[in-house]
Amino acid sequence: MPKLTTTTTILLTTLALTASAIPQSAPTCKSWPGFTALKNLFIFGDSYTQTGFNTSLSQPSASTPLGNPPYPGWTSSNGPNWVDYLTVKYNASKLLTYNLAWGGATVDAALAKPYASSVHSLVDQVEKDWMPKYASGNMRAKWMGRDSLFGMWVGINDVSGRYGDADFKNVDKIFKVWARLVEELYSSGARNFLFMDVPTIERSPQSQKYPTTLAKLTEFEKYWAKQIADVLVKTVNRHADATVVTYSTYDLFERVLKDPKSTPQTSKLTVITPEFCQAYKDGNVNGDQVKTGCKGTPNQYFWLNDLHPTPAIHEATAAEVAKALIAVPANACAPKL
């Protein structure tokens, strides 16, 4: 699987993206203040990311950095998710997080239908939720391009729902939309971006039900990562003051599923096979209490249900994303790729 790392230091070679020091000739700019100086996070995504934030209710503040609903919000993990952890535990400064993610979201409902028409796609999250409330001239949040990060972790529903008859040309269309949304955010003042790839969906209990399609699913995930890399390159080359950071959740999930002790956050996981306990699958259960018929507590399982993981891997994701953000020096723009 191609690796995705910080783009200010990227060299593209067969899609293996590796970190190195910022070249001495790299231009300097004020678009990236460094992780320690970030003030705002605007996050877009699906059920792995959602917390149930409502743009019309109480906004993030110093006392409630995720705004509404009460922490950890409405998540798919039976506890905090990576956005929660990144905001309150692995932050390097006081972050105000505006989480516009929707469970079931795809990038564009016209190209990949979500499970329900009411679901807000990435297009909706940017153009119908973020633009009217937070774009320049109509802001419910005090933000500037140089103190804010715009994160996108989406694609799980695009990929998992279509791996049986994967249409790579359709993915090309989807990423034209992704690139367009990045340009719209940039035009509204965004300068700093975080892109995350699709995790190891082929290792989920849902995917294991269809063993003959696993190879195609893996191929589809690789192609998805390639398209993220392409958008990265285009964004950096088009805008000298743009900073794009990428992180591979595929690599992290794969590493933890092979060895849960590979990160301190996942070291207590004991059930990492593609299975879950029916008693836990709907969440809202005590994470440290074993129920009859289960092999351990909810917090000892990697998978909460057929597609969603438990808090441990979310915490590991937040910790690793924080490392990736810390690794990007302040005031350093990416060289053209």
Protein backbone atom coordinates (compact mmCIF):
# COMPACT_ATOMS: atom_id res chain seq x y z
CA MET A 1 0.00 0.00 0.00
CA PRO A 2 1.39 3.43 -0.86
CA LYS A 3 2.44 5.44 2.13
CA LEU A 4 1.16 8.94 2.72
CA THR A 5 3.27 11.27 4.82
CA THR A 6 3.88 14.99 5.18
CA THR A 7 3.90 16.65 1.81
CA THR A 8 6.18 19.55 2.53
CA THR A 9 8.94 16.98 2.39
CA ILE A 10 7.70 14.64 -0.29
CA LEU A 11 9.40 13.07 -3.24
CA LEU A 12 7.10 11.02 -5.43
CA THR A 13 8.67 7.74 -6.46
CA THR A 14 6.30 4.96 -7.46
CA LEU A 15 3.85 6.42 -4.95
CA ALA A 16 6.07 5.57 -2.00
CA LEU A 17 5.97 8.89 -0.17
CA THR A 18 8.81 9.27 2.31
CA ALA A 19 9.67 12.07 4.73
CA SER A 20 12.97 13.93 4.64
CA ALA A 21 14.25 17.33 5.68
CA ILE A 22 12.85 20.49 4.11
CA PRO A 23 15.14 21.42 1.19
CA GLN A 24 17.26 24.51 1.87
CA SER A 25 15.82 26.14 -1.24
CA ALA A 26 12.21 25.73 -0.09
CA PRO A 27 10.33 29.05 -0.07
CA THR A 28 9.11 30.39 3.24
CA CYS A 29 5.60 31.61 3.88
CA LYS A 30 3.13 32.29 6.66
CA SER A 31 0.51 29.73 5.66
CA TRP A 32 1.62 26.98 8.08
CA PRO A 33 2.23 28.22 11.63
CA GLY A 34 3.35 24.87 12.97
CA PHE A 35 1.15 22.49 14.95
CA THR A 36 1.81 24.36 18.19
CA ALA A 37 0.28 27.54 16.77
CA LEU A 38 -2.86 26.07 15.19
CA LYS A 39 -6.10 27.50 16.55
CA ASN A 40 -8.85 25.97 14.42
CA LEU A 41 -9.65 22.59 12.87
CA PHE A 42 -12.31 22.22 10.21
CA ILE A 43 -12.92 18.52 9.66
CA PHE A 44 -14.88 16.73 6.92
CA GLY A 45 -15.56 13.01 6.67
CA ASP A 46 -17.82 10.04 7.40
CA SER A 47 -18.76 7.84 10.38
CA TYR A 48 -15.12 7.30 11.39
CA THR A 49 -14.94 11.06 11.97
CA GLN A 50 -18.42 12.30 12.92
CA THR A 51 -19.25 13.59 16.38
CA GLY A 52 -22.72 14.93 15.57
CA PHE A 53 -21.71 18.60 15.49
CA ASN A 54 -24.57 20.93 14.54
CA THR A 55 -23.45 24.18 12.90
CA SER A 56 -26.55 25.98 14.20
CA LEU A 57 -25.97 25.19 17.87
CA SER A 58 -23.23 26.21 20.33
CA GLN A 59 -19.90 26.74 18.63
CA PRO A 60 -16.49 25.54 19.80
CA SER A 61 -14.98 27.59 22.61
CA ALA A 62 -12.13 27.38 25.10
CA SER A 63 -14.37 25.51 27.57
CA THR A 64 -16.02 23.26 24.96
CA PRO A 65 -13.49 22.94 22.12
CA LEU A 66 -15.72 20.68 20.03
CA GLY A 67 -18.81 22.83 20.52
CA ASN A 68 -21.78 20.49 20.54
CA PRO A 69 -22.93 17.86 21.48
CA PRO A 70 -21.28 17.07 24.84
CA TYR A 71 -17.95 15.22 24.58
CA PRO A 72 -17.26 12.80 23.00
CA GLY A 73 -20.32 13.37 20.88
CA TRP A 74 -22.16 10.90 18.68
CA THR A 75 -19.42 8.64 17.35
CA SER A 76 -19.23 5.20 15.75
CA SER A 77 -16.59 3.84 18.15
CA ASN A 78 -18.44 3.40 21.46
CA GLY A 79 -16.33 6.24 22.83
CA PRO A 80 -14.09 9.04 21.61
CA ASN A 81 -12.92 9.04 18.00
CA TRP A 82 -9.71 10.40 16.48
CA VAL A 83 -11.06 13.96 16.21
CA ASP A 84 -11.96 13.94 19.90
CA TYR A 85 -8.51 12.69 20.87
CA LEU A 86 -6.69 15.07 18.54
CA THR A 87 -8.62 18.04 19.94
CA VAL A 88 -8.30 17.39 23.66
CA LYS A 89 -5.38 14.99 24.20
CA TYR A 90 -2.89 15.13 21.35
CA ASN A 91 -3.26 18.82 20.58
CA ALA A 92 -0.19 21.01 20.88
CA SER A 93 -2.24 24.16 21.47
CA LYS A 94 -5.84 25.02 22.34
CA LEU A 95 -7.79 23.86 19.30
CA LEU A 96 -11.33 24.77 18.37
CA THR A 97 -12.71 21.94 16.24
CA TYR A 98 -15.60 22.29 13.80
CA ASN A 99 -16.46 18.73 12.82
CA LEU A 100 -18.76 18.68 9.81
CA ALA A 101 -18.48 14.94 9.12
CA TRP A 102 -21.57 12.80 8.50
CA GLY A 103 -21.92 9.06 9.01
CA GLY A 104 -22.36 7.26 5.71
CA ALA A 105 -20.88 10.10 3.67
CA THR A 106 -19.33 9.61 0.27
CA VAL A 107 -17.41 12.27 -1.62
CA ASP A 108 -20.23 13.05 -4.05
CA ALA A 109 -23.69 11.48 -3.76
CA ALA A 110 -24.14 11.89 -7.50
CA LEU A 111 -21.19 9.56 -8.13
CA ALA A 112 -21.47 7.20 -5.15
CA LYS A 113 -24.82 7.08 -3.36
CA PRO A 114 -24.71 7.00 0.45
CA TYR A 115 -27.03 4.65 2.33
CA ALA A 116 -29.65 7.41 2.71
CA SER A 117 -30.48 10.55 0.72
CA SER A 118 -30.37 12.60 3.92
CA VAL A 119 -26.63 11.97 4.38
CA HIS A 120 -24.42 14.97 3.69
CA SER A 121 -21.65 14.06 1.26
CA LEU A 122 -18.26 15.76 1.26
CA VAL A 123 -19.71 18.10 -1.37
CA ASP A 124 -22.57 18.97 0.98
CA GLN A 125 -20.28 19.37 3.98
CA VAL A 126 -18.14 21.91 2.15
CA GLU A 127 -20.68 23.72 0.00
CA LYS A 128 -23.87 23.53 2.11
CA ASP A 129 -22.56 23.30 5.67
CA TRP A 130 -19.20 25.06 5.77
CA MET A 131 -19.57 27.74 3.10
CA PRO A 132 -22.75 29.41 4.43
CA LYS A 133 -21.56 29.42 8.03
CA TYR A 134 -17.79 29.77 7.97
CA ALA A 135 -16.61 31.16 4.63
CA SER A 136 -15.28 34.70 4.42
CA GLY A 137 -17.94 37.34 4.95
CA ASN A 138 -20.31 35.08 6.88
CA MET A 139 -18.21 33.54 9.62
CA ARG A 140 -19.46 31.93 12.83
CA ALA A 141 -15.83 31.25 13.68
CA LYS A 142 -12.88 33.60 13.92
CA TRP A 143 -10.28 31.97 11.73
CA MET A 144 -7.54 32.82 9.29
CA GLY A 145 -5.85 30.67 6.71
CA ARG A 146 -2.57 30.66 8.61
CA ASP A 147 -4.04 29.46 11.92
CA SER A 148 -6.46 26.82 10.62
CA LEU A 149 -6.25 23.26 9.30
CA PHE A 150 -8.81 21.69 6.95
CA GLY A 151 -8.93 17.90 7.26
CA MET A 152 -10.54 15.35 4.94
CA TRP A 153 -10.87 11.67 5.85
CA VAL A 154 -13.48 10.18 3.57
CA GLY A 155 -13.77 7.36 1.06
CA ILE A 156 -14.62 4.36 3.23
CA ASN A 157 -18.18 4.27 1.89
CA ASP A 158 -17.07 5.04 -1.66
CA VAL A 159 -14.66 2.10 -1.54
CA SER A 160 -16.44 -0.50 0.61
CA GLY A 161 -19.70 -0.24 -1.30
CA ARG A 162 -18.11 -0.71 -4.72
CA TYR A 163 -15.19 -3.06 -4.51
CA GLY A 164 -17.05 -5.96 -6.13
CA ASP A 165 -17.24 -4.16 -9.47
CA ALA A 166 -14.74 -1.38 -8.88
CA ASP A 167 -14.96 1.36 -11.48
CA PHE A 168 -11.63 3.15 -11.50
CA LYS A 169 -12.90 5.72 -14.00
CA ASN A 170 -15.56 6.65 -11.49
CA VAL A 171 -12.85 7.19 -8.88
CA ASP A 172 -11.18 9.58 -11.32
CA LYS A 173 -14.44 11.53 -11.46
CA ILE A 174 -14.73 11.47 -7.68
CA PHE A 175 -11.28 12.98 -7.27
CA LYS A 176 -12.01 15.72 -9.75
CA VAL A 177 -14.74 16.69 -7.27
CA TRP A 178 -12.30 16.36 -4.33
CA ALA A 179 -9.83 18.65 -6.11
CA ARG A 180 -12.60 21.13 -6.88
CA LEU A 181 -13.62 21.26 -3.21
CA VAL A 182 -10.01 21.90 -2.17
CA GLU A 183 -9.91 24.80 -4.62
CA GLU A 184 -13.17 26.18 -3.22
CA LEU A 185 -11.79 26.03 0.30
CA TYR A 186 -8.55 27.66 -0.84
CA SER A 187 -10.51 30.46 -2.55
CA SER A 188 -12.33 31.04 0.74
CA GLY A 189 -9.05 31.45 2.60
CA ALA A 190 -7.97 27.91 3.54
CA ARG A 191 -4.23 27.34 3.20
CA ASN A 192 -3.46 24.24 5.25
CA PHE A 193 -4.89 20.80 4.48
CA LEU A 194 -4.81 17.28 5.90
CA PHE A 195 -5.66 14.35 3.61
CA MET A 196 -6.08 10.80 4.96
CA ASP A 197 -6.47 7.62 2.94
CA VAL A 198 -8.88 4.70 3.36
CA PRO A 199 -7.92 2.21 6.11
CA THR A 200 -7.75 -1.56 5.73
CA ILE A 201 -11.41 -2.14 4.93
CA GLU A 202 -10.54 -5.56 3.47
CA ARG A 203 -9.64 -6.64 7.04
CA SER A 204 -13.07 -5.70 8.42
CA PRO A 205 -15.70 -8.31 9.36
CA GLN A 206 -17.99 -6.94 6.64
CA SER A 207 -15.44 -7.48 3.88
CA GLN A 208 -14.48 -10.94 5.12
CA LYS A 209 -17.98 -12.12 4.26
CA TYR A 210 -17.00 -11.80 0.59
CA PRO A 211 -13.56 -13.45 0.29
CA THR A 212 -13.56 -13.53 -3.51
CA THR A 213 -13.63 -9.73 -3.67
CA LEU A 214 -10.81 -8.98 -1.20
CA ALA A 215 -8.10 -8.68 -3.85
CA LYS A 216 -10.23 -6.23 -5.83
CA LEU A 217 -10.94 -4.22 -2.70
CA THR A 218 -7.23 -3.92 -1.93
CA GLU A 219 -6.57 -2.82 -5.50
CA PHE A 220 -9.33 -0.25 -5.18
CA GLU A 221 -7.87 1.12 -1.93
CA LYS A 222 -4.45 1.48 -3.57
CA TYR A 223 -5.97 3.40 -6.45
CA TRP A 224 -7.78 5.66 -3.97
CA ALA A 225 -4.47 6.47 -2.27
CA LYS A 226 -2.91 7.22 -5.65
CA GLN A 227 -5.64 9.75 -6.38
CA ILE A 228 -5.07 11.45 -3.01
CA ALA A 229 -1.40 11.76 -3.92
CA ASP A 230 -2.37 13.29 -7.27
CA VAL A 231 -4.56 15.93 -5.60
CA LEU A 232 -1.71 16.64 -3.18
CA VAL A 233 0.69 17.31 -6.04
CA LYS A 234 -1.75 19.48 -7.95
CA THR A 235 -2.59 21.56 -4.88
CA VAL A 236 1.03 22.19 -3.93
CA ASN A 237 2.05 23.00 -7.50
CA ARG A 238 -0.88 25.33 -8.07
CA HIS A 239 -0.54 27.29 -4.83
CA ALA A 240 2.87 28.27 -3.51
CA ASP A 241 1.40 29.16 -0.11
CA ALA A 242 -0.53 25.92 0.40
CA THR A 243 0.63 23.25 2.82
CA VAL A 244 -0.78 19.73 2.54
CA VAL A 245 -0.12 17.08 5.17
CA THR A 246 -1.11 13.48 4.48
CA TYR A 247 -1.36 10.48 6.74
CA SER A 248 -1.90 6.82 5.85
CA THR A 249 -4.50 5.20 8.09
CA TYR A 250 -4.13 2.10 5.93
CA ASP A 251 -0.56 1.64 7.12
CA LEU A 252 -1.50 2.27 10.74
CA PHE A 253 -4.47 -0.13 10.76
CA GLU A 254 -2.41 -2.80 9.01
CA ARG A 255 0.42 -2.42 11.52
CA VAL A 256 -1.90 -2.65 14.53
CA LEU A 257 -3.84 -5.61 13.14
CA LYS A 258 -0.54 -7.47 12.78
CA ASP A 259 0.72 -6.40 16.21
CA PRO A 260 -1.53 -4.42 18.58
CA LYS A 261 1.49 -3.66 20.76
CA SER A 262 3.01 -1.66 17.91
CA THR A 263 1.42 1.46 19.42
CA PRO A 264 0.89 2.19 23.13
CA GLN A 265 -2.71 3.19 22.49
CA THR A 266 -3.64 -0.24 21.07
CA SER A 267 -1.50 -2.43 23.31
CA LYS A 268 -4.48 -3.74 25.31
CA LEU A 269 -6.38 -5.02 22.27
CA THR A 270 -6.72 -8.80 22.44
CA VAL A 271 -9.36 -9.58 19.79
CA ILE A 272 -7.92 -8.34 16.52
CA THR A 273 -9.33 -10.97 14.19
CA PRO A 274 -12.09 -9.78 11.81
CA GLU A 275 -14.88 -10.38 14.31
CA PHE A 276 -16.99 -8.48 16.79
CA CYS A 277 -19.42 -9.29 19.60
CA GLN A 278 -23.10 -8.85 18.84
CA ALA A 279 -23.66 -7.52 22.35
CA TYR A 280 -21.43 -4.52 21.58
CA LYS A 281 -22.17 -3.78 17.94
CA ASP A 282 -24.60 -0.89 18.53
CA GLY A 283 -22.34 0.89 21.01
CA ASN A 284 -23.48 2.70 24.15
CA VAL A 285 -22.01 -0.03 26.34
CA ASN A 286 -19.46 0.04 29.15
CA GLY A 287 -16.10 -0.28 27.44
CA ASP A 288 -14.54 -2.13 30.37
CA GLN A 289 -17.31 -4.61 31.11
CA VAL A 290 -17.49 -8.09 29.56
CA LYS A 291 -20.89 -9.27 28.39
CA THR A 292 -21.96 -12.88 28.14
CA GLY A 293 -20.79 -14.55 24.96
CA CYS A 294 -18.02 -12.04 24.25
CA LYS A 295 -14.27 -12.79 24.28
CA GLY A 296 -13.41 -9.66 26.22
CA THR A 297 -14.54 -6.14 27.00
CA PRO A 298 -15.52 -3.78 24.16
CA ASN A 299 -12.18 -2.03 24.64
CA GLN A 300 -10.32 -5.28 23.99
CA TYR A 301 -11.88 -5.71 20.55
CA PHE A 302 -10.43 -3.99 17.49
CA TRP A 303 -13.80 -4.03 15.72
CA LEU A 304 -16.96 -2.74 17.40
CA ASN A 305 -19.14 -4.02 14.58
CA ASP A 306 -18.82 -5.09 10.96
CA LEU A 307 -17.08 -1.91 9.77
CA HIS A 308 -16.28 0.40 12.70
CA PRO A 309 -13.33 0.07 15.11
CA THR A 310 -13.22 0.79 18.83
CA PRO A 311 -11.58 3.84 20.47
CA ALA A 312 -8.06 2.40 20.74
CA ILE A 313 -7.24 2.68 17.04
CA HIS A 314 -8.87 6.11 16.95
CA GLU A 315 -6.55 7.25 19.72
CA ALA A 316 -3.57 5.80 17.86
CA THR A 317 -4.70 7.63 14.73
CA ALA A 318 -4.85 10.92 16.61
CA ALA A 319 -1.42 10.38 18.12
CA GLU A 320 0.12 9.55 14.74
CA VAL A 321 -1.59 12.44 12.94
CA ALA A 322 -0.26 14.77 15.64
CA LYS A 323 3.26 13.46 14.98
CA ALA A 324 2.82 14.11 11.26
CA LEU A 325 1.69 17.67 11.94
CA ILE A 326 4.53 18.33 14.38
CA ALA A 327 7.00 17.14 11.75
CA VAL A 328 6.11 20.00 9.40
CA PRO A 329 8.24 23.05 10.27
CA ALA A 330 6.48 26.38 10.73
CA ASN A 331 6.47 28.88 7.90
CA ALA A 332 7.78 26.38 5.37
CA CYS A 333 5.86 25.98 2.13
CA ALA A 334 6.15 22.85 0.05
CA PRO A 335 8.41 22.85 -2.99
CA LYS A 336 6.75 21.95 -6.27
CA LEU A 337 6.49 18.21 -6.79
